[in-house]
Amino acid sequence: MEQSVIFEKLTTIFKKVFNDDSIVLRTDITASDIGNWDSLTHMVMIGEVENEFLIKFKLRELNKMENVGGLIELIKVKLEN
């Protein structure tokens, strides 16, 4: 799956989960860049990503993620396997 398609799907998920239609996703965005991104919304977002892309993350993979770019790379790896 192309990165642009992943970006598009992630943008939709982020806007829905964080209830903010003004979100413009970038690879360097972190939880501190989105006002209502807390531990609960993080888990909801991860669940939505897993459902959308039909993948499952391991806890250690999630712990290594530093920003949206890391999430995208992890999604790409999961989809290739």
PDB file of N, CA and C in Angstrom:
ATOM      1  N   MET A   1       0.854  -1.180   0.000  1.00  0.00           N
ATOM      2  CA  MET A   1       0.000   0.000   0.000  1.00  0.00           C
ATOM      3  C   MET A   1       0.897   1.239   0.000  1.00  0.00           C
ATOM      4  N   GLU A   2       0.549   2.189  -0.831  1.00  0.00           N
ATOM      5  CA  GLU A   2       1.347   3.408  -0.954  1.00  0.00           C
ATOM      6  C   GLU A   2       1.206   4.281   0.286  1.00  0.00           C
ATOM      7  N   GLN A   3       2.264   5.023   0.574  1.00  0.00           N
ATOM      8  CA  GLN A   3       2.273   5.890   1.747  1.00  0.00           C
ATOM      9  C   GLN A   3       1.159   6.928   1.689  1.00  0.00           C
ATOM     10  N   SER A   4       0.830   7.420   0.511  1.00  0.00           N
ATOM     11  CA  SER A   4      -0.232   8.425   0.389  1.00  0.00           C
ATOM     12  C   SER A   4      -1.587   7.853   0.802  1.00  0.00           C
ATOM     13  N   VAL A   5      -1.826   6.588   0.505  1.00  0.00           N
ATOM     14  CA  VAL A   5      -3.083   5.940   0.894  1.00  0.00           C
ATOM     15  C   VAL A   5      -3.118   5.751   2.412  1.00  0.00           C
ATOM     16  N   ILE A   6      -1.981   5.345   2.980  1.00  0.00           N
ATOM     17  CA  ILE A   6      -1.896   5.197   4.431  1.00  0.00           C
ATOM     18  C   ILE A   6      -2.146   6.545   5.106  1.00  0.00           C
ATOM     19  N   PHE A   7      -1.516   7.597   4.601  1.00  0.00           N
ATOM     20  CA  PHE A   7      -1.707   8.949   5.135  1.00  0.00           C
ATOM     21  C   PHE A   7      -3.181   9.349   5.105  1.00  0.00           C
ATOM     22  N   GLU A   8      -3.828   9.094   3.977  1.00  0.00           N
ATOM     23  CA  GLU A   8      -5.239   9.456   3.817  1.00  0.00           C
ATOM     24  C   GLU A   8      -6.109   8.729   4.842  1.00  0.00           C
ATOM     25  N   LYS A   9      -5.879   7.426   4.992  1.00  0.00           N
ATOM     26  CA  LYS A   9      -6.666   6.640   5.943  1.00  0.00           C
ATOM     27  C   LYS A   9      -6.375   7.075   7.377  1.00  0.00           C
ATOM     28  N   LEU A  10      -5.103   7.333   7.681  1.00  0.00           N
ATOM     29  CA  LEU A  10      -4.752   7.785   9.027  1.00  0.00           C
ATOM     30  C   LEU A  10      -5.354   9.147   9.347  1.00  0.00           C
ATOM     31  N   THR A  11      -5.371  10.024   8.372  1.00  0.00           N
ATOM     32  CA  THR A  11      -5.960  11.345   8.585  1.00  0.00           C
ATOM     33  C   THR A  11      -7.426  11.216   8.971  1.00  0.00           C
ATOM     34  N   THR A  12      -8.151  10.364   8.277  1.00  0.00           N
ATOM     35  CA  THR A  12      -9.561  10.127   8.590  1.00  0.00           C
ATOM     36  C   THR A  12      -9.706   9.583  10.010  1.00  0.00           C
ATOM     37  N   ILE A  13      -8.869   8.626  10.369  1.00  0.00           N
ATOM     38  CA  ILE A  13      -8.916   8.042  11.714  1.00  0.00           C
ATOM     39  C   ILE A  13      -8.619   9.100  12.768  1.00  0.00           C
ATOM     40  N   PHE A  14      -7.564   9.882  12.576  1.00  0.00           N
ATOM     41  CA  PHE A  14      -7.184  10.901  13.555  1.00  0.00           C
ATOM     42  C   PHE A  14      -8.293  11.937  13.732  1.00  0.00           C
ATOM     43  N   LYS A  15      -8.882  12.390  12.634  1.00  0.00           N
ATOM     44  CA  LYS A  15      -9.961  13.375  12.730  1.00  0.00           C
ATOM     45  C   LYS A  15     -11.143  12.819  13.517  1.00  0.00           C
ATOM     46  N   LYS A  16     -11.450  11.541  13.304  1.00  0.00           N
ATOM     47  CA  LYS A  16     -12.569  10.905  13.997  1.00  0.00           C
ATOM     48  C   LYS A  16     -12.254  10.701  15.484  1.00  0.00           C
ATOM     49  N   VAL A  17     -11.127  10.071  15.776  1.00  0.00           N
ATOM     50  CA  VAL A  17     -10.780   9.725  17.155  1.00  0.00           C
ATOM     51  C   VAL A  17     -10.573  10.973  18.012  1.00  0.00           C
ATOM     52  N   PHE A  18      -9.881  11.954  17.474  1.00  0.00           N
ATOM     53  CA  PHE A  18      -9.577  13.156  18.242  1.00  0.00           C
ATOM     54  C   PHE A  18     -10.620  14.257  18.049  1.00  0.00           C
ATOM     55  N   ASN A  19     -11.683  13.926  17.307  1.00  0.00           N
ATOM     56  CA  ASN A  19     -12.813  14.831  17.112  1.00  0.00           C
ATOM     57  C   ASN A  19     -12.351  16.230  16.680  1.00  0.00           C
ATOM     58  N   ASP A  20     -11.498  16.259  15.652  1.00  0.00           N
ATOM     59  CA  ASP A  20     -10.922  17.521  15.185  1.00  0.00           C
ATOM     60  C   ASP A  20     -10.716  17.451  13.673  1.00  0.00           C
ATOM     61  N   ASP A  21     -11.620  18.087  12.937  1.00  0.00           N
ATOM     62  CA  ASP A  21     -11.541  18.079  11.471  1.00  0.00           C
ATOM     63  C   ASP A  21     -10.410  18.936  10.918  1.00  0.00           C
ATOM     64  N   SER A  22      -9.748  19.701  11.775  1.00  0.00           N
ATOM     65  CA  SER A  22      -8.673  20.573  11.294  1.00  0.00           C
ATOM     66  C   SER A  22      -7.305  19.889  11.321  1.00  0.00           C
ATOM     67  N   ILE A  23      -7.245  18.646  11.788  1.00  0.00           N
ATOM     68  CA  ILE A  23      -5.957  17.942  11.866  1.00  0.00           C
ATOM     69  C   ILE A  23      -5.377  17.747  10.466  1.00  0.00           C
ATOM     70  N   VAL A  24      -4.125  18.160  10.314  1.00  0.00           N
ATOM     71  CA  VAL A  24      -3.362  17.915   9.093  1.00  0.00           C
ATOM     72  C   VAL A  24      -2.182  17.050   9.515  1.00  0.00           C
ATOM     73  N   LEU A  25      -2.210  15.797   9.116  1.00  0.00           N
ATOM     74  CA  LEU A  25      -1.202  14.843   9.554  1.00  0.00           C
ATOM     75  C   LEU A  25       0.139  15.116   8.907  1.00  0.00           C
ATOM     76  N   ARG A  26       1.186  15.006   9.719  1.00  0.00           N
ATOM     77  CA  ARG A  26       2.575  15.086   9.256  1.00  0.00           C
ATOM     78  C   ARG A  26       3.345  13.973   9.951  1.00  0.00           C
ATOM     79  N   THR A  27       4.451  13.571   9.378  1.00  0.00           N
ATOM     80  CA  THR A  27       5.220  12.473   9.959  1.00  0.00           C
ATOM     81  C   THR A  27       5.816  12.829  11.319  1.00  0.00           C
ATOM     82  N   ASP A  28       6.027  14.106  11.593  1.00  0.00           N
ATOM     83  CA  ASP A  28       6.666  14.501  12.853  1.00  0.00           C
ATOM     84  C   ASP A  28       5.678  14.794  13.987  1.00  0.00           C
ATOM     85  N   ILE A  29       4.389  14.598  13.765  1.00  0.00           N
ATOM     86  CA  ILE A  29       3.389  14.866  14.802  1.00  0.00           C
ATOM     87  C   ILE A  29       3.507  13.826  15.915  1.00  0.00           C
ATOM     88  N   THR A  30       3.441  14.321  17.165  1.00  0.00           N
ATOM     89  CA  THR A  30       3.453  13.455  18.337  1.00  0.00           C
ATOM     90  C   THR A  30       2.211  13.745  19.171  1.00  0.00           C
ATOM     91  N   ALA A  31       2.042  12.984  20.231  1.00  0.00           N
ATOM     92  CA  ALA A  31       0.879  13.163  21.106  1.00  0.00           C
ATOM     93  C   ALA A  31       0.815  14.586  21.660  1.00  0.00           C
ATOM     94  N   SER A  32       1.947  15.191  21.909  1.00  0.00           N
ATOM     95  CA  SER A  32       1.948  16.544  22.476  1.00  0.00           C
ATOM     96  C   SER A  32       1.467  17.603  21.482  1.00  0.00           C
ATOM     97  N   ASP A  33       1.388  17.251  20.199  1.00  0.00           N
ATOM     98  CA  ASP A  33       0.931  18.201  19.179  1.00  0.00           C
ATOM     99  C   ASP A  33      -0.587  18.231  19.034  1.00  0.00           C
ATOM    100  N   ILE A  34      -1.274  17.242  19.611  1.00  0.00           N
ATOM    101  CA  ILE A  34      -2.727  17.163  19.494  1.00  0.00           C
ATOM    102  C   ILE A  34      -3.312  17.258  20.889  1.00  0.00           C
ATOM    103  N   GLY A  35      -4.106  18.294  21.101  1.00  0.00           N
ATOM    104  CA  GLY A  35      -4.580  18.659  22.427  1.00  0.00           C
ATOM    105  C   GLY A  35      -5.234  17.561  23.241  1.00  0.00           C
ATOM    106  N   ASN A  36      -6.103  16.769  22.640  1.00  0.00           N
ATOM    107  CA  ASN A  36      -6.826  15.770  23.427  1.00  0.00           C
ATOM    108  C   ASN A  36      -6.277  14.357  23.238  1.00  0.00           C
ATOM    109  N   TRP A  37      -4.996  14.239  22.891  1.00  0.00           N
ATOM    110  CA  TRP A  37      -4.364  12.931  22.742  1.00  0.00           C
ATOM    111  C   TRP A  37      -3.835  12.498  24.100  1.00  0.00           C
ATOM    112  N   ASP A  38      -4.585  11.630  24.752  1.00  0.00           N
ATOM    113  CA  ASP A  38      -4.169  11.083  26.038  1.00  0.00           C
ATOM    114  C   ASP A  38      -4.099   9.562  25.918  1.00  0.00           C
ATOM    115  N   SER A  39      -3.899   8.885  27.026  1.00  0.00           N
ATOM    116  CA  SER A  39      -3.726   7.428  26.959  1.00  0.00           C
ATOM    117  C   SER A  39      -4.974   6.713  26.434  1.00  0.00           C
ATOM    118  N   LEU A  40      -6.140   7.213  26.790  1.00  0.00           N
ATOM    119  CA  LEU A  40      -7.382   6.584  26.326  1.00  0.00           C
ATOM    120  C   LEU A  40      -7.566   6.775  24.820  1.00  0.00           C
ATOM    121  N   THR A  41      -7.434   8.016  24.344  1.00  0.00           N
ATOM    122  CA  THR A  41      -7.601   8.253  22.906  1.00  0.00           C
ATOM    123  C   THR A  41      -6.489   7.560  22.112  1.00  0.00           C
ATOM    124  N   HIS A  42      -5.321   7.395  22.729  1.00  0.00           N
ATOM    125  CA  HIS A  42      -4.234   6.677  22.056  1.00  0.00           C
ATOM    126  C   HIS A  42      -4.647   5.229  21.788  1.00  0.00           C
ATOM    127  N   MET A  43      -5.223   4.582  22.793  1.00  0.00           N
ATOM    128  CA  MET A  43      -5.645   3.188  22.628  1.00  0.00           C
ATOM    129  C   MET A  43      -6.798   3.072  21.626  1.00  0.00           C
ATOM    130  N   VAL A  44      -7.712   4.033  21.644  1.00  0.00           N
ATOM    131  CA  VAL A  44      -8.809   4.037  20.671  1.00  0.00           C
ATOM    132  C   VAL A  44      -8.243   4.196  19.259  1.00  0.00           C
ATOM    133  N   MET A  45      -7.293   5.116  19.110  1.00  0.00           N
ATOM    134  CA  MET A  45      -6.678   5.354  17.800  1.00  0.00           C
ATOM    135  C   MET A  45      -5.959   4.105  17.301  1.00  0.00           C
ATOM    136  N   ILE A  46      -5.212   3.443  18.184  1.00  0.00           N
ATOM    137  CA  ILE A  46      -4.504   2.217  17.794  1.00  0.00           C
ATOM    138  C   ILE A  46      -5.513   1.145  17.362  1.00  0.00           C
ATOM    139  N   GLY A  47      -6.599   1.013  18.095  1.00  0.00           N
ATOM    140  CA  GLY A  47      -7.641   0.053  17.729  1.00  0.00           C
ATOM    141  C   GLY A  47      -8.243   0.348  16.367  1.00  0.00           C
ATOM    142  N   GLU A  48      -8.489   1.619  16.101  1.00  0.00           N
ATOM    143  CA  GLU A  48      -9.035   2.022  14.801  1.00  0.00           C
ATOM    144  C   GLU A  48      -8.045   1.722  13.671  1.00  0.00           C
ATOM    145  N   VAL A  49      -6.771   1.983  13.923  1.00  0.00           N
ATOM    146  CA  VAL A  49      -5.742   1.701  12.912  1.00  0.00           C
ATOM    147  C   VAL A  49      -5.676   0.200  12.642  1.00  0.00           C
ATOM    148  N   GLU A  50      -5.681  -0.600  13.717  1.00  0.00           N
ATOM    149  CA  GLU A  50      -5.642  -2.056  13.536  1.00  0.00           C
ATOM    150  C   GLU A  50      -6.843  -2.542  12.728  1.00  0.00           C
ATOM    151  N   ASN A  51      -8.021  -2.009  13.026  1.00  0.00           N
ATOM    152  CA  ASN A  51      -9.228  -2.413  12.301  1.00  0.00           C
ATOM    153  C   ASN A  51      -9.197  -1.976  10.841  1.00  0.00           C
ATOM    154  N   GLU A  52      -8.756  -0.759  10.595  1.00  0.00           N
ATOM    155  CA  GLU A  52      -8.736  -0.224   9.229  1.00  0.00           C
ATOM    156  C   GLU A  52      -7.763  -0.996   8.333  1.00  0.00           C
ATOM    157  N   PHE A  53      -6.590  -1.299   8.865  1.00  0.00           N
ATOM    158  CA  PHE A  53      -5.550  -1.937   8.056  1.00  0.00           C
ATOM    159  C   PHE A  53      -5.494  -3.454   8.254  1.00  0.00           C
ATOM    160  N   LEU A  54      -6.378  -3.984   9.106  1.00  0.00           N
ATOM    161  CA  LEU A  54      -6.434  -5.423   9.390  1.00  0.00           C
ATOM    162  C   LEU A  54      -5.081  -5.966   9.852  1.00  0.00           C
ATOM    163  N   ILE A  55      -4.505  -5.273  10.841  1.00  0.00           N
ATOM    164  CA  ILE A  55      -3.215  -5.646  11.416  1.00  0.00           C
ATOM    165  C   ILE A  55      -3.338  -5.637  12.936  1.00  0.00           C
ATOM    166  N   LYS A  56      -2.342  -6.187  13.611  1.00  0.00           N
ATOM    167  CA  LYS A  56      -2.269  -6.156  15.067  1.00  0.00           C
ATOM    168  C   LYS A  56      -0.869  -5.714  15.464  1.00  0.00           C
ATOM    169  N   PHE A  57      -0.805  -4.794  16.422  1.00  0.00           N
ATOM    170  CA  PHE A  57       0.477  -4.326  16.936  1.00  0.00           C
ATOM    171  C   PHE A  57       0.828  -5.084  18.210  1.00  0.00           C
ATOM    172  N   LYS A  58       2.108  -5.255  18.432  1.00  0.00           N
ATOM    173  CA  LYS A  58       2.605  -5.780  19.698  1.00  0.00           C
ATOM    174  C   LYS A  58       2.943  -4.589  20.582  1.00  0.00           C
ATOM    175  N   LEU A  59       2.836  -4.777  21.889  1.00  0.00           N
ATOM    176  CA  LEU A  59       3.095  -3.683  22.822  1.00  0.00           C
ATOM    177  C   LEU A  59       4.491  -3.105  22.636  1.00  0.00           C
ATOM    178  N   ARG A  60       5.478  -3.950  22.433  1.00  0.00           N
ATOM    179  CA  ARG A  60       6.847  -3.435  22.273  1.00  0.00           C
ATOM    180  C   ARG A  60       6.988  -2.587  21.008  1.00  0.00           C
ATOM    181  N   GLU A  61       6.201  -2.904  19.964  1.00  0.00           N
ATOM    182  CA  GLU A  61       6.230  -2.092  18.743  1.00  0.00           C
ATOM    183  C   GLU A  61       5.652  -0.707  19.027  1.00  0.00           C
ATOM    184  N   LEU A  62       4.563  -0.680  19.788  1.00  0.00           N
ATOM    185  CA  LEU A  62       3.921   0.589  20.113  1.00  0.00           C
ATOM    186  C   LEU A  62       4.817   1.447  20.992  1.00  0.00           C
ATOM    187  N   ASN A  63       5.553   0.807  21.891  1.00  0.00           N
ATOM    188  CA  ASN A  63       6.441   1.546  22.796  1.00  0.00           C
ATOM    189  C   ASN A  63       7.594   2.205  22.052  1.00  0.00           C
ATOM    190  N   LYS A  64       7.982   1.660  20.910  1.00  0.00           N
ATOM    191  CA  LYS A  64       9.088   2.222  20.125  1.00  0.00           C
ATOM    192  C   LYS A  64       8.647   3.388  19.241  1.00  0.00           C
ATOM    193  N   MET A  65       7.340   3.516  19.021  1.00  0.00           N
ATOM    194  CA  MET A  65       6.824   4.556  18.131  1.00  0.00           C
ATOM    195  C   MET A  65       6.998   5.939  18.756  1.00  0.00           C
ATOM    196  N   GLU A  66       7.602   6.847  18.007  1.00  0.00           N
ATOM    197  CA  GLU A  66       7.844   8.185  18.527  1.00  0.00           C
ATOM    198  C   GLU A  66       6.936   9.244  17.914  1.00  0.00           C
ATOM    199  N   ASN A  67       6.413   8.972  16.710  1.00  0.00           N
ATOM    200  CA  ASN A  67       5.582   9.972  16.027  1.00  0.00           C
ATOM    201  C   ASN A  67       4.758   9.279  14.939  1.00  0.00           C
ATOM    202  N   VAL A  68       4.006  10.066  14.197  1.00  0.00           N
ATOM    203  CA  VAL A  68       3.153   9.518  13.141  1.00  0.00           C
ATOM    204  C   VAL A  68       4.000   8.819  12.076  1.00  0.00           C
ATOM    205  N   GLY A  69       5.183   9.336  11.802  1.00  0.00           N
ATOM    206  CA  GLY A  69       6.073   8.695  10.836  1.00  0.00           C
ATOM    207  C   GLY A  69       6.407   7.271  11.250  1.00  0.00           C
ATOM    208  N   GLY A  70       6.657   7.076  12.541  1.00  0.00           N
ATOM    209  CA  GLY A  70       6.923   5.747  13.061  1.00  0.00           C
ATOM    210  C   GLY A  70       5.724   4.829  12.912  1.00  0.00           C
ATOM    211  N   LEU A  71       4.536   5.379  13.130  1.00  0.00           N
ATOM    212  CA  LEU A  71       3.302   4.618  12.951  1.00  0.00           C
ATOM    213  C   LEU A  71       3.144   4.187  11.498  1.00  0.00           C
ATOM    214  N   ILE A  72       3.413   5.096  10.581  1.00  0.00           N
ATOM    215  CA  ILE A  72       3.299   4.789   9.156  1.00  0.00           C
ATOM    216  C   ILE A  72       4.281   3.687   8.762  1.00  0.00           C
ATOM    217  N   GLU A  73       5.513   3.787   9.227  1.00  0.00           N
ATOM    218  CA  GLU A  73       6.513   2.766   8.907  1.00  0.00           C
ATOM    219  C   GLU A  73       6.100   1.405   9.456  1.00  0.00           C
ATOM    220  N   LEU A  74       5.570   1.403  10.671  1.00  0.00           N
ATOM    221  CA  LEU A  74       5.124   0.157  11.285  1.00  0.00           C
ATOM    222  C   LEU A  74       3.954  -0.451  10.507  1.00  0.00           C
ATOM    223  N   ILE A  75       3.031   0.385  10.068  1.00  0.00           N
ATOM    224  CA  ILE A  75       1.906  -0.090   9.257  1.00  0.00           C
ATOM    225  C   ILE A  75       2.424  -0.707   7.961  1.00  0.00           C
ATOM    226  N   LYS A  76       3.368  -0.019   7.309  1.00  0.00           N
ATOM    227  CA  LYS A  76       3.921  -0.535   6.052  1.00  0.00           C
ATOM    228  C   LYS A  76       4.578  -1.894   6.254  1.00  0.00           C
ATOM    229  N   VAL A  77       5.344  -2.046   7.319  1.00  0.00           N
ATOM    230  CA  VAL A  77       5.995  -3.332   7.608  1.00  0.00           C
ATOM    231  C   VAL A  77       4.962  -4.420   7.838  1.00  0.00           C
ATOM    232  N   LYS A  78       3.924  -4.099   8.619  1.00  0.00           N
ATOM    233  CA  LYS A  78       2.871  -5.081   8.920  1.00  0.00           C
ATOM    234  C   LYS A  78       2.141  -5.499   7.631  1.00  0.00           C
ATOM    235  N   LEU A  79       1.897  -4.559   6.753  1.00  0.00           N
ATOM    236  CA  LEU A  79       1.160  -4.864   5.526  1.00  0.00           C
ATOM    237  C   LEU A  79       1.999  -5.682   4.551  1.00  0.00           C
ATOM    238  N   GLU A  80       3.309  -5.542   4.607  1.00  0.00           N
ATOM    239  CA  GLU A  80       4.193  -6.292   3.712  1.00  0.00           C
ATOM    240  C   GLU A  80       4.351  -7.742   4.148  1.00  0.00           C
ATOM    241  N   ASN A  81       4.142  -7.998   5.437  1.00  0.00           N
ATOM    242  CA  ASN A  81       4.319  -9.366   5.969  1.00  0.00           C
ATOM    243  C   ASN A  81       3.063 -10.189   5.831  1.00  0.00           C
TER     244      ASN A  81
END
